Amino acid sequence: MHSHSSVPRLGLFDALHALAVRLIEAGQAYVCDHTAEEVDRMRGAPGERGEDSHWRGRGVSENLDLFARMRAGEFPDGARTLRARIDMAAPNVWLRDPVLYRIRARDAPQHGDRWCIYPLYDFAHGLSDYIEGVTHSLCTLEFVPHRELYDWLLEALDLPRPLPHQYESRA
């Protein structure tokens, strides 16, 4: 596995978790208590501003504590998520405080009971590419609106260059 100096040599889940913690420490992610249905509704529609989460203003220390407690299994499935703090008025709805981690308490075959929080694809994709030393990610056209989030996460973490780039093409 290719390793960058600012990303610790850990398993992929550990490295992704460490990057999520860095986002919280930088004030760019927060723990949200809304249900998945509420988050979807509050995201709004293109052309109209989304509604801020009631928990968007939580401080760094409270978010770090809640995220650690999420990882420790203190909360049931779906009770809380980790969301990026981006822009609820962004024209691209994928940038409207997207969910990065969710609680899934059931065991995963690869991780046993060590992990009960899981990164969502949009969080893991670009960061996994970076951690693994991937320079170019080729996706189908349905990922075009997701590229802005891919790039935002890489930039928000101020990772050493070179950064991977997502390209889209017809399948």
N, C-alpha and C. Protein backbone atom coordinates (compact mmCIF):
# COMPACT_ATOMS: atom_id res chain seq x y z
N MET A 1 0.84 -1.17 0.00
CA MET A 1 0.00 0.00 0.00
C MET A 1 0.89 1.24 0.00
N HIS A 2 0.59 2.18 -0.86
CA HIS A 2 1.31 3.44 -0.93
C HIS A 2 0.85 4.31 0.25
N SER A 3 1.78 4.92 0.96
CA SER A 3 1.43 5.72 2.12
C SER A 3 1.95 7.14 1.97
N HIS A 4 1.14 8.11 2.38
CA HIS A 4 1.54 9.51 2.38
C HIS A 4 1.89 9.90 3.81
N SER A 5 2.78 10.85 3.97
CA SER A 5 3.29 11.20 5.29
C SER A 5 2.22 11.67 6.26
N SER A 6 1.15 12.32 5.79
CA SER A 6 0.15 12.84 6.72
C SER A 6 -0.94 11.82 7.04
N VAL A 7 -0.93 10.68 6.39
CA VAL A 7 -1.90 9.64 6.65
C VAL A 7 -1.17 8.50 7.34
N PRO A 8 -1.56 8.20 8.58
CA PRO A 8 -0.85 7.15 9.30
C PRO A 8 -0.93 5.80 8.61
N ARG A 9 0.10 4.97 8.79
CA ARG A 9 0.09 3.62 8.23
C ARG A 9 -0.83 2.75 9.08
N LEU A 10 -2.04 2.66 8.66
CA LEU A 10 -3.06 1.91 9.37
C LEU A 10 -3.87 1.12 8.36
N GLY A 11 -4.76 0.29 8.86
CA GLY A 11 -5.71 -0.33 7.96
C GLY A 11 -6.58 0.75 7.35
N LEU A 12 -7.23 0.43 6.25
CA LEU A 12 -8.04 1.43 5.55
C LEU A 12 -9.11 2.04 6.44
N PHE A 13 -9.84 1.22 7.21
CA PHE A 13 -10.88 1.76 8.08
C PHE A 13 -10.28 2.70 9.13
N ASP A 14 -9.13 2.32 9.68
CA ASP A 14 -8.47 3.18 10.67
C ASP A 14 -8.04 4.50 10.04
N ALA A 15 -7.48 4.44 8.84
CA ALA A 15 -7.02 5.66 8.16
C ALA A 15 -8.20 6.56 7.81
N LEU A 16 -9.30 5.98 7.32
CA LEU A 16 -10.49 6.78 7.00
C LEU A 16 -11.06 7.43 8.27
N HIS A 17 -11.09 6.66 9.35
CA HIS A 17 -11.57 7.19 10.63
C HIS A 17 -10.68 8.35 11.08
N ALA A 18 -9.37 8.22 10.96
CA ALA A 18 -8.45 9.29 11.35
C ALA A 18 -8.70 10.55 10.53
N LEU A 19 -9.00 10.39 9.25
CA LEU A 19 -9.30 11.54 8.40
C LEU A 19 -10.63 12.19 8.78
N ALA A 20 -11.61 11.38 9.16
CA ALA A 20 -12.89 11.92 9.63
C ALA A 20 -12.67 12.75 10.90
N VAL A 21 -11.84 12.26 11.80
CA VAL A 21 -11.52 13.00 13.02
C VAL A 21 -10.85 14.32 12.67
N ARG A 22 -9.96 14.31 11.68
CA ARG A 22 -9.31 15.56 11.24
C ARG A 22 -10.33 16.56 10.72
N LEU A 23 -11.33 16.09 9.99
CA LEU A 23 -12.39 17.00 9.51
C LEU A 23 -13.15 17.62 10.68
N ILE A 24 -13.45 16.80 11.69
CA ILE A 24 -14.15 17.32 12.87
C ILE A 24 -13.27 18.36 13.57
N GLU A 25 -12.00 18.03 13.76
CA GLU A 25 -11.08 18.96 14.43
C GLU A 25 -10.95 20.28 13.70
N ALA A 26 -11.09 20.25 12.38
CA ALA A 26 -11.00 21.46 11.56
C ALA A 26 -12.34 22.20 11.48
N GLY A 27 -13.37 21.67 12.15
CA GLY A 27 -14.68 22.30 12.12
C GLY A 27 -15.43 22.07 10.82
N GLN A 28 -15.01 21.07 10.05
CA GLN A 28 -15.61 20.81 8.75
C GLN A 28 -16.53 19.59 8.73
N ALA A 29 -16.80 19.03 9.90
CA ALA A 29 -17.73 17.91 10.00
C ALA A 29 -18.38 17.97 11.38
N TYR A 30 -19.60 17.45 11.46
CA TYR A 30 -20.35 17.47 12.72
C TYR A 30 -21.22 16.24 12.83
N VAL A 31 -21.55 15.89 14.07
CA VAL A 31 -22.44 14.77 14.33
C VAL A 31 -23.87 15.30 14.30
N CYS A 32 -24.71 14.60 13.55
CA CYS A 32 -26.10 15.01 13.33
C CYS A 32 -27.04 13.93 13.84
N ASP A 33 -28.11 14.35 14.50
CA ASP A 33 -29.09 13.40 15.06
C ASP A 33 -30.33 13.23 14.20
N HIS A 34 -30.40 13.87 13.05
CA HIS A 34 -31.58 13.73 12.19
C HIS A 34 -31.63 12.33 11.58
N THR A 35 -32.84 11.86 11.31
CA THR A 35 -33.00 10.57 10.63
C THR A 35 -32.61 10.73 9.16
N ALA A 36 -32.39 9.61 8.49
CA ALA A 36 -32.06 9.64 7.06
C ALA A 36 -33.15 10.34 6.27
N GLU A 37 -34.41 10.11 6.62
CA GLU A 37 -35.52 10.75 5.93
C GLU A 37 -35.49 12.26 6.13
N GLU A 38 -35.20 12.71 7.34
CA GLU A 38 -35.12 14.15 7.62
C GLU A 38 -33.97 14.79 6.84
N VAL A 39 -32.83 14.12 6.81
CA VAL A 39 -31.67 14.65 6.08
C VAL A 39 -32.02 14.80 4.60
N ASP A 40 -32.65 13.79 4.02
CA ASP A 40 -33.05 13.86 2.61
C ASP A 40 -34.00 15.02 2.37
N ARG A 41 -35.00 15.18 3.22
CA ARG A 41 -35.97 16.26 3.07
C ARG A 41 -35.30 17.61 3.24
N MET A 42 -34.43 17.73 4.24
CA MET A 42 -33.79 19.01 4.54
C MET A 42 -32.75 19.41 3.49
N ARG A 43 -32.27 18.45 2.72
CA ARG A 43 -31.31 18.76 1.67
C ARG A 43 -31.92 19.71 0.64
N GLY A 44 -33.23 19.62 0.46
CA GLY A 44 -33.91 20.51 -0.48
C GLY A 44 -33.77 20.05 -1.91
N ALA A 45 -34.26 20.86 -2.81
CA ALA A 45 -34.24 20.55 -4.24
C ALA A 45 -33.29 21.52 -4.94
N PRO A 46 -32.82 21.13 -6.13
CA PRO A 46 -31.99 22.07 -6.89
C PRO A 46 -32.73 23.40 -7.08
N GLY A 47 -32.00 24.49 -6.93
CA GLY A 47 -32.61 25.81 -7.12
C GLY A 47 -33.20 26.42 -5.86
N GLU A 48 -33.31 25.64 -4.79
CA GLU A 48 -33.78 26.19 -3.52
C GLU A 48 -32.83 25.76 -2.41
N ARG A 49 -32.65 26.63 -1.44
CA ARG A 49 -31.71 26.38 -0.35
C ARG A 49 -32.21 25.24 0.53
N GLY A 50 -31.28 24.40 0.99
CA GLY A 50 -31.62 23.37 1.96
C GLY A 50 -31.73 23.96 3.35
N GLU A 51 -32.23 23.16 4.28
CA GLU A 51 -32.43 23.58 5.67
C GLU A 51 -31.28 23.07 6.52
N ASP A 52 -30.66 23.95 7.33
CA ASP A 52 -29.57 23.55 8.21
C ASP A 52 -30.03 22.53 9.23
N SER A 53 -29.15 21.60 9.56
CA SER A 53 -29.40 20.66 10.65
C SER A 53 -29.43 21.44 11.97
N HIS A 54 -30.27 20.99 12.89
CA HIS A 54 -30.32 21.59 14.22
C HIS A 54 -28.99 21.41 14.95
N TRP A 55 -28.19 20.44 14.53
CA TRP A 55 -26.93 20.11 15.20
C TRP A 55 -25.70 20.61 14.44
N ARG A 56 -25.90 21.40 13.41
CA ARG A 56 -24.80 21.91 12.59
C ARG A 56 -23.84 22.79 13.38
N GLY A 57 -24.32 23.45 14.41
CA GLY A 57 -23.50 24.37 15.20
C GLY A 57 -22.79 23.74 16.39
N ARG A 58 -22.87 22.42 16.53
CA ARG A 58 -22.15 21.78 17.65
C ARG A 58 -20.67 22.11 17.56
N GLY A 59 -20.04 22.27 18.72
CA GLY A 59 -18.62 22.58 18.77
C GLY A 59 -17.75 21.36 18.51
N VAL A 60 -16.49 21.61 18.25
CA VAL A 60 -15.53 20.55 17.93
C VAL A 60 -15.45 19.51 19.04
N SER A 61 -15.33 19.93 20.30
CA SER A 61 -15.16 18.96 21.38
C SER A 61 -16.40 18.07 21.52
N GLU A 62 -17.59 18.64 21.40
CA GLU A 62 -18.81 17.83 21.48
C GLU A 62 -18.88 16.85 20.31
N ASN A 63 -18.52 17.31 19.10
CA ASN A 63 -18.54 16.42 17.94
C ASN A 63 -17.52 15.29 18.08
N LEU A 64 -16.33 15.60 18.57
CA LEU A 64 -15.32 14.55 18.78
C LEU A 64 -15.81 13.52 19.79
N ASP A 65 -16.42 13.99 20.87
CA ASP A 65 -16.95 13.09 21.89
C ASP A 65 -18.05 12.20 21.31
N LEU A 66 -19.00 12.80 20.60
CA LEU A 66 -20.10 12.02 20.03
C LEU A 66 -19.61 11.03 18.98
N PHE A 67 -18.64 11.44 18.16
CA PHE A 67 -18.11 10.53 17.13
C PHE A 67 -17.39 9.35 17.79
N ALA A 68 -16.64 9.61 18.84
CA ALA A 68 -15.98 8.53 19.58
C ALA A 68 -17.01 7.59 20.19
N ARG A 69 -18.08 8.14 20.72
CA ARG A 69 -19.15 7.32 21.30
C ARG A 69 -19.90 6.54 20.23
N MET A 70 -20.04 7.13 19.03
CA MET A 70 -20.63 6.39 17.90
C MET A 70 -19.77 5.16 17.61
N ARG A 71 -18.47 5.36 17.53
CA ARG A 71 -17.54 4.26 17.23
C ARG A 71 -17.58 3.21 18.34
N ALA A 72 -17.75 3.65 19.59
CA ALA A 72 -17.77 2.73 20.72
C ALA A 72 -19.07 1.93 20.81
N GLY A 73 -20.04 2.23 19.95
CA GLY A 73 -21.28 1.46 19.93
C GLY A 73 -22.32 1.91 20.93
N GLU A 74 -22.25 3.15 21.40
CA GLU A 74 -23.19 3.64 22.41
C GLU A 74 -24.57 3.95 21.85
N PHE A 75 -24.69 4.08 20.55
CA PHE A 75 -25.96 4.51 19.96
C PHE A 75 -26.48 3.46 18.99
N PRO A 76 -27.80 3.34 18.86
CA PRO A 76 -28.37 2.35 17.93
C PRO A 76 -28.20 2.78 16.46
N ASP A 77 -28.37 1.80 15.58
CA ASP A 77 -28.31 2.06 14.13
C ASP A 77 -29.17 3.27 13.78
N GLY A 78 -28.60 4.16 12.96
CA GLY A 78 -29.35 5.28 12.44
C GLY A 78 -29.56 6.44 13.41
N ALA A 79 -29.12 6.31 14.67
CA ALA A 79 -29.37 7.37 15.65
C ALA A 79 -28.60 8.64 15.35
N ARG A 80 -27.40 8.49 14.79
CA ARG A 80 -26.54 9.64 14.50
C ARG A 80 -25.73 9.35 13.25
N THR A 81 -25.31 10.43 12.59
CA THR A 81 -24.40 10.33 11.45
C THR A 81 -23.33 11.40 11.61
N LEU A 82 -22.25 11.24 10.88
CA LEU A 82 -21.26 12.30 10.75
C LEU A 82 -21.49 12.93 9.39
N ARG A 83 -21.63 14.26 9.37
CA ARG A 83 -21.88 14.98 8.12
C ARG A 83 -20.80 16.02 7.89
N ALA A 84 -20.48 16.25 6.63
CA ALA A 84 -19.57 17.34 6.28
C ALA A 84 -20.31 18.65 6.44
N ARG A 85 -19.62 19.68 6.89
CA ARG A 85 -20.20 21.02 7.01
C ARG A 85 -19.73 21.80 5.78
N ILE A 86 -20.56 21.81 4.72
CA ILE A 86 -20.15 22.45 3.47
C ILE A 86 -21.02 23.66 3.21
N ASP A 87 -22.17 23.49 2.56
CA ASP A 87 -22.99 24.63 2.17
C ASP A 87 -24.40 24.16 1.82
N MET A 88 -25.37 24.50 2.66
CA MET A 88 -26.74 24.06 2.42
C MET A 88 -27.43 24.82 1.29
N ALA A 89 -26.73 25.80 0.70
CA ALA A 89 -27.27 26.52 -0.46
C ALA A 89 -26.52 26.15 -1.74
N ALA A 90 -25.62 25.16 -1.66
CA ALA A 90 -24.83 24.78 -2.84
C ALA A 90 -25.75 24.35 -3.98
N PRO A 91 -25.45 24.80 -5.21
CA PRO A 91 -26.25 24.37 -6.36
C PRO A 91 -26.23 22.85 -6.53
N ASN A 92 -25.10 22.22 -6.22
CA ASN A 92 -24.98 20.76 -6.27
C ASN A 92 -25.48 20.21 -4.93
N VAL A 93 -26.63 19.52 -4.94
CA VAL A 93 -27.21 19.02 -3.69
C VAL A 93 -26.31 18.02 -2.97
N TRP A 94 -25.36 17.41 -3.67
CA TRP A 94 -24.42 16.47 -3.03
C TRP A 94 -23.46 17.19 -2.09
N LEU A 95 -23.37 18.52 -2.19
CA LEU A 95 -22.51 19.31 -1.30
C LEU A 95 -23.28 19.90 -0.12
N ARG A 96 -24.53 19.55 0.02
CA ARG A 96 -25.35 20.07 1.10
C ARG A 96 -25.19 19.19 2.34
N ASP A 97 -24.11 19.42 3.04
CA ASP A 97 -23.77 18.70 4.27
C ASP A 97 -24.01 17.19 4.15
N PRO A 98 -23.28 16.56 3.23
CA PRO A 98 -23.48 15.12 3.00
C PRO A 98 -23.09 14.27 4.20
N VAL A 99 -23.77 13.15 4.32
CA VAL A 99 -23.44 12.17 5.37
C VAL A 99 -22.13 11.48 4.98
N LEU A 100 -21.22 11.41 5.95
CA LEU A 100 -19.91 10.78 5.73
C LEU A 100 -19.82 9.41 6.41
N TYR A 101 -20.38 9.29 7.61
CA TYR A 101 -20.37 8.04 8.38
C TYR A 101 -21.75 7.79 8.95
N ARG A 102 -22.09 6.51 9.08
CA ARG A 102 -23.34 6.14 9.72
C ARG A 102 -23.08 5.00 10.70
N ILE A 103 -24.02 4.80 11.60
CA ILE A 103 -23.92 3.71 12.57
C ILE A 103 -24.59 2.49 11.96
N ARG A 104 -23.86 1.40 11.94
CA ARG A 104 -24.40 0.08 11.53
C ARG A 104 -23.83 -0.92 12.50
N ALA A 105 -24.59 -1.25 13.51
CA ALA A 105 -24.08 -2.04 14.63
C ALA A 105 -23.82 -3.51 14.30
N ARG A 106 -24.42 -4.02 13.26
CA ARG A 106 -24.21 -5.44 12.99
C ARG A 106 -22.78 -5.72 12.52
N ASP A 107 -22.31 -6.89 12.83
CA ASP A 107 -20.95 -7.27 12.48
C ASP A 107 -20.75 -7.32 10.97
N ALA A 108 -19.60 -6.89 10.54
CA ALA A 108 -19.20 -7.04 9.14
C ALA A 108 -18.18 -8.16 9.09
N PRO A 109 -18.26 -9.05 8.10
CA PRO A 109 -17.35 -10.20 8.05
C PRO A 109 -15.88 -9.81 8.12
N GLN A 110 -15.50 -8.69 7.49
CA GLN A 110 -14.09 -8.30 7.45
C GLN A 110 -13.62 -7.67 8.76
N HIS A 111 -14.55 -7.13 9.57
CA HIS A 111 -14.16 -6.33 10.73
C HIS A 111 -14.70 -6.86 12.05
N GLY A 112 -15.51 -7.93 12.03
CA GLY A 112 -16.08 -8.46 13.26
C GLY A 112 -16.85 -7.38 13.98
N ASP A 113 -16.63 -7.27 15.30
CA ASP A 113 -17.35 -6.25 16.05
C ASP A 113 -16.50 -5.02 16.33
N ARG A 114 -15.35 -4.90 15.65
CA ARG A 114 -14.45 -3.76 15.87
C ARG A 114 -15.04 -2.45 15.36
N TRP A 115 -15.81 -2.50 14.30
CA TRP A 115 -16.37 -1.28 13.71
C TRP A 115 -17.89 -1.36 13.71
N CYS A 116 -18.52 -0.33 14.26
CA CYS A 116 -19.98 -0.24 14.16
C CYS A 116 -20.37 1.08 13.49
N ILE A 117 -19.36 1.83 13.02
CA ILE A 117 -19.62 2.99 12.17
C ILE A 117 -18.94 2.73 10.85
N TYR A 118 -19.57 3.17 9.78
CA TYR A 118 -19.06 2.89 8.45
C TYR A 118 -19.07 4.14 7.59
N PRO A 119 -18.00 4.33 6.82
CA PRO A 119 -17.97 5.48 5.90
C PRO A 119 -18.88 5.22 4.71
N LEU A 120 -19.54 6.27 4.26
CA LEU A 120 -20.32 6.16 3.05
C LEU A 120 -19.40 6.24 1.83
N TYR A 121 -19.87 5.74 0.72
CA TYR A 121 -19.06 5.64 -0.49
C TYR A 121 -18.44 6.99 -0.88
N ASP A 122 -19.24 8.05 -0.88
CA ASP A 122 -18.72 9.35 -1.31
C ASP A 122 -17.58 9.84 -0.42
N PHE A 123 -17.58 9.48 0.85
CA PHE A 123 -16.47 9.83 1.74
C PHE A 123 -15.26 8.93 1.45
N ALA A 124 -15.51 7.66 1.33
CA ALA A 124 -14.42 6.69 1.22
C ALA A 124 -13.74 6.69 -0.16
N HIS A 125 -14.46 7.02 -1.22
CA HIS A 125 -13.94 6.87 -2.57
C HIS A 125 -12.64 7.64 -2.79
N GLY A 126 -12.69 8.95 -2.72
CA GLY A 126 -11.50 9.76 -3.00
C GLY A 126 -10.41 9.57 -1.97
N LEU A 127 -10.81 9.44 -0.70
CA LEU A 127 -9.81 9.27 0.36
C LEU A 127 -9.13 7.91 0.27
N SER A 128 -9.88 6.88 -0.09
CA SER A 128 -9.26 5.56 -0.31
C SER A 128 -8.31 5.61 -1.50
N ASP A 129 -8.72 6.31 -2.56
CA ASP A 129 -7.81 6.49 -3.70
C ASP A 129 -6.51 7.13 -3.23
N TYR A 130 -6.63 8.18 -2.43
CA TYR A 130 -5.44 8.90 -1.94
C TYR A 130 -4.56 7.97 -1.08
N ILE A 131 -5.17 7.31 -0.11
CA ILE A 131 -4.43 6.43 0.80
C ILE A 131 -3.72 5.32 0.03
N GLU A 132 -4.36 4.80 -1.00
CA GLU A 132 -3.80 3.69 -1.77
C GLU A 132 -2.90 4.14 -2.91
N GLY A 133 -2.71 5.46 -3.07
CA GLY A 133 -1.81 5.97 -4.09
C GLY A 133 -2.39 5.96 -5.49
N VAL A 134 -3.72 5.89 -5.62
CA VAL A 134 -4.37 5.93 -6.92
C VAL A 134 -4.31 7.36 -7.44
N THR A 135 -3.95 7.54 -8.69
CA THR A 135 -3.85 8.89 -9.24
C THR A 135 -5.07 9.28 -10.08
N HIS A 136 -5.72 8.29 -10.70
CA HIS A 136 -6.86 8.56 -11.57
C HIS A 136 -7.95 7.53 -11.27
N SER A 137 -9.17 8.03 -11.09
CA SER A 137 -10.31 7.17 -10.84
C SER A 137 -11.30 7.36 -11.98
N LEU A 138 -11.58 6.31 -12.70
CA LEU A 138 -12.50 6.38 -13.83
C LEU A 138 -13.86 5.84 -13.41
N CYS A 139 -14.88 6.68 -13.54
CA CYS A 139 -16.23 6.33 -13.12
C CYS A 139 -17.20 6.53 -14.29
N THR A 140 -18.38 5.96 -14.16
CA THR A 140 -19.41 6.18 -15.16
C THR A 140 -20.04 7.56 -14.96
N LEU A 141 -20.79 8.02 -15.93
CA LEU A 141 -21.31 9.39 -15.94
C LEU A 141 -22.21 9.73 -14.76
N GLU A 142 -22.83 8.74 -14.12
CA GLU A 142 -23.70 9.07 -12.98
C GLU A 142 -22.92 9.65 -11.81
N PHE A 143 -21.57 9.55 -11.84
CA PHE A 143 -20.75 10.08 -10.76
C PHE A 143 -20.33 11.53 -10.98
N VAL A 144 -20.70 12.14 -12.11
CA VAL A 144 -20.33 13.54 -12.38
C VAL A 144 -20.70 14.45 -11.21
N PRO A 145 -21.95 14.41 -10.68
CA PRO A 145 -22.28 15.33 -9.58
C PRO A 145 -21.52 15.02 -8.29
N HIS A 146 -20.96 13.84 -8.17
CA HIS A 146 -20.23 13.44 -6.96
C HIS A 146 -18.78 13.93 -6.97
N ARG A 147 -18.27 14.30 -8.15
CA ARG A 147 -16.85 14.70 -8.25
C ARG A 147 -16.55 15.91 -7.37
N GLU A 148 -17.48 16.86 -7.26
CA GLU A 148 -17.23 18.03 -6.42
C GLU A 148 -17.00 17.64 -4.96
N LEU A 149 -17.73 16.65 -4.48
CA LEU A 149 -17.52 16.18 -3.11
C LEU A 149 -16.19 15.42 -3.00
N TYR A 150 -15.89 14.60 -3.98
CA TYR A 150 -14.60 13.89 -4.05
C TYR A 150 -13.47 14.90 -3.89
N ASP A 151 -13.53 15.98 -4.68
CA ASP A 151 -12.48 17.01 -4.64
C ASP A 151 -12.53 17.81 -3.34
N TRP A 152 -13.72 18.14 -2.86
CA TRP A 152 -13.84 18.92 -1.63
C TRP A 152 -13.17 18.22 -0.45
N LEU A 153 -13.43 16.92 -0.31
CA LEU A 153 -12.84 16.17 0.80
C LEU A 153 -11.32 16.17 0.74
N LEU A 154 -10.77 15.96 -0.44
CA LEU A 154 -9.31 15.95 -0.59
C LEU A 154 -8.73 17.32 -0.25
N GLU A 155 -9.38 18.37 -0.71
CA GLU A 155 -8.89 19.74 -0.44
C GLU A 155 -9.09 20.13 1.03
N ALA A 156 -10.24 19.79 1.61
CA ALA A 156 -10.56 20.18 2.98
C ALA A 156 -9.55 19.60 3.97
N LEU A 157 -9.00 18.45 3.65
CA LEU A 157 -8.04 17.80 4.54
C LEU A 157 -6.61 18.30 4.31
N ASP A 158 -6.43 19.16 3.29
CA ASP A 158 -5.12 19.74 3.01
C ASP A 158 -4.04 18.66 2.94
N LEU A 159 -4.32 17.65 2.15
CA LEU A 159 -3.41 16.51 2.01
C LEU A 159 -2.24 16.87 1.09
N PRO A 160 -1.06 16.32 1.37
CA PRO A 160 0.08 16.57 0.48
C PRO A 160 -0.22 16.08 -0.94
N ARG A 161 0.31 16.77 -1.90
CA ARG A 161 0.12 16.41 -3.30
C ARG A 161 1.04 15.25 -3.65
N PRO A 162 0.77 14.51 -4.66
CA PRO A 162 -0.32 14.67 -5.63
C PRO A 162 -1.63 14.08 -5.10
N LEU A 163 -2.73 14.70 -5.53
CA LEU A 163 -4.05 14.21 -5.17
C LEU A 163 -4.62 13.44 -6.35
N PRO A 164 -5.44 12.43 -6.07
CA PRO A 164 -6.09 11.71 -7.17
C PRO A 164 -7.13 12.59 -7.85
N HIS A 165 -7.53 12.20 -9.03
CA HIS A 165 -8.57 12.92 -9.76
C HIS A 165 -9.58 11.92 -10.29
N GLN A 166 -10.85 12.27 -10.16
CA GLN A 166 -11.94 11.42 -10.68
C GLN A 166 -12.29 11.90 -12.08
N TYR A 167 -12.38 10.96 -13.00
CA TYR A 167 -12.82 11.23 -14.37
C TYR A 167 -14.07 10.40 -14.61
N GLU A 168 -14.95 10.91 -15.47
CA GLU A 168 -16.16 10.16 -15.80
C GLU A 168 -16.18 9.91 -17.31
N SER A 169 -16.77 8.77 -17.65
CA SER A 169 -16.87 8.38 -19.05
C SER A 169 -18.07 7.46 -19.20
N ARG A 170 -18.54 7.35 -20.42
CA ARG A 170 -19.61 6.37 -20.69
C ARG A 170 -19.05 4.97 -20.41
N ALA A 171 -19.89 4.10 -19.90
CA ALA A 171 -19.46 2.74 -19.56
C ALA A 171 -19.07 1.95 -20.79
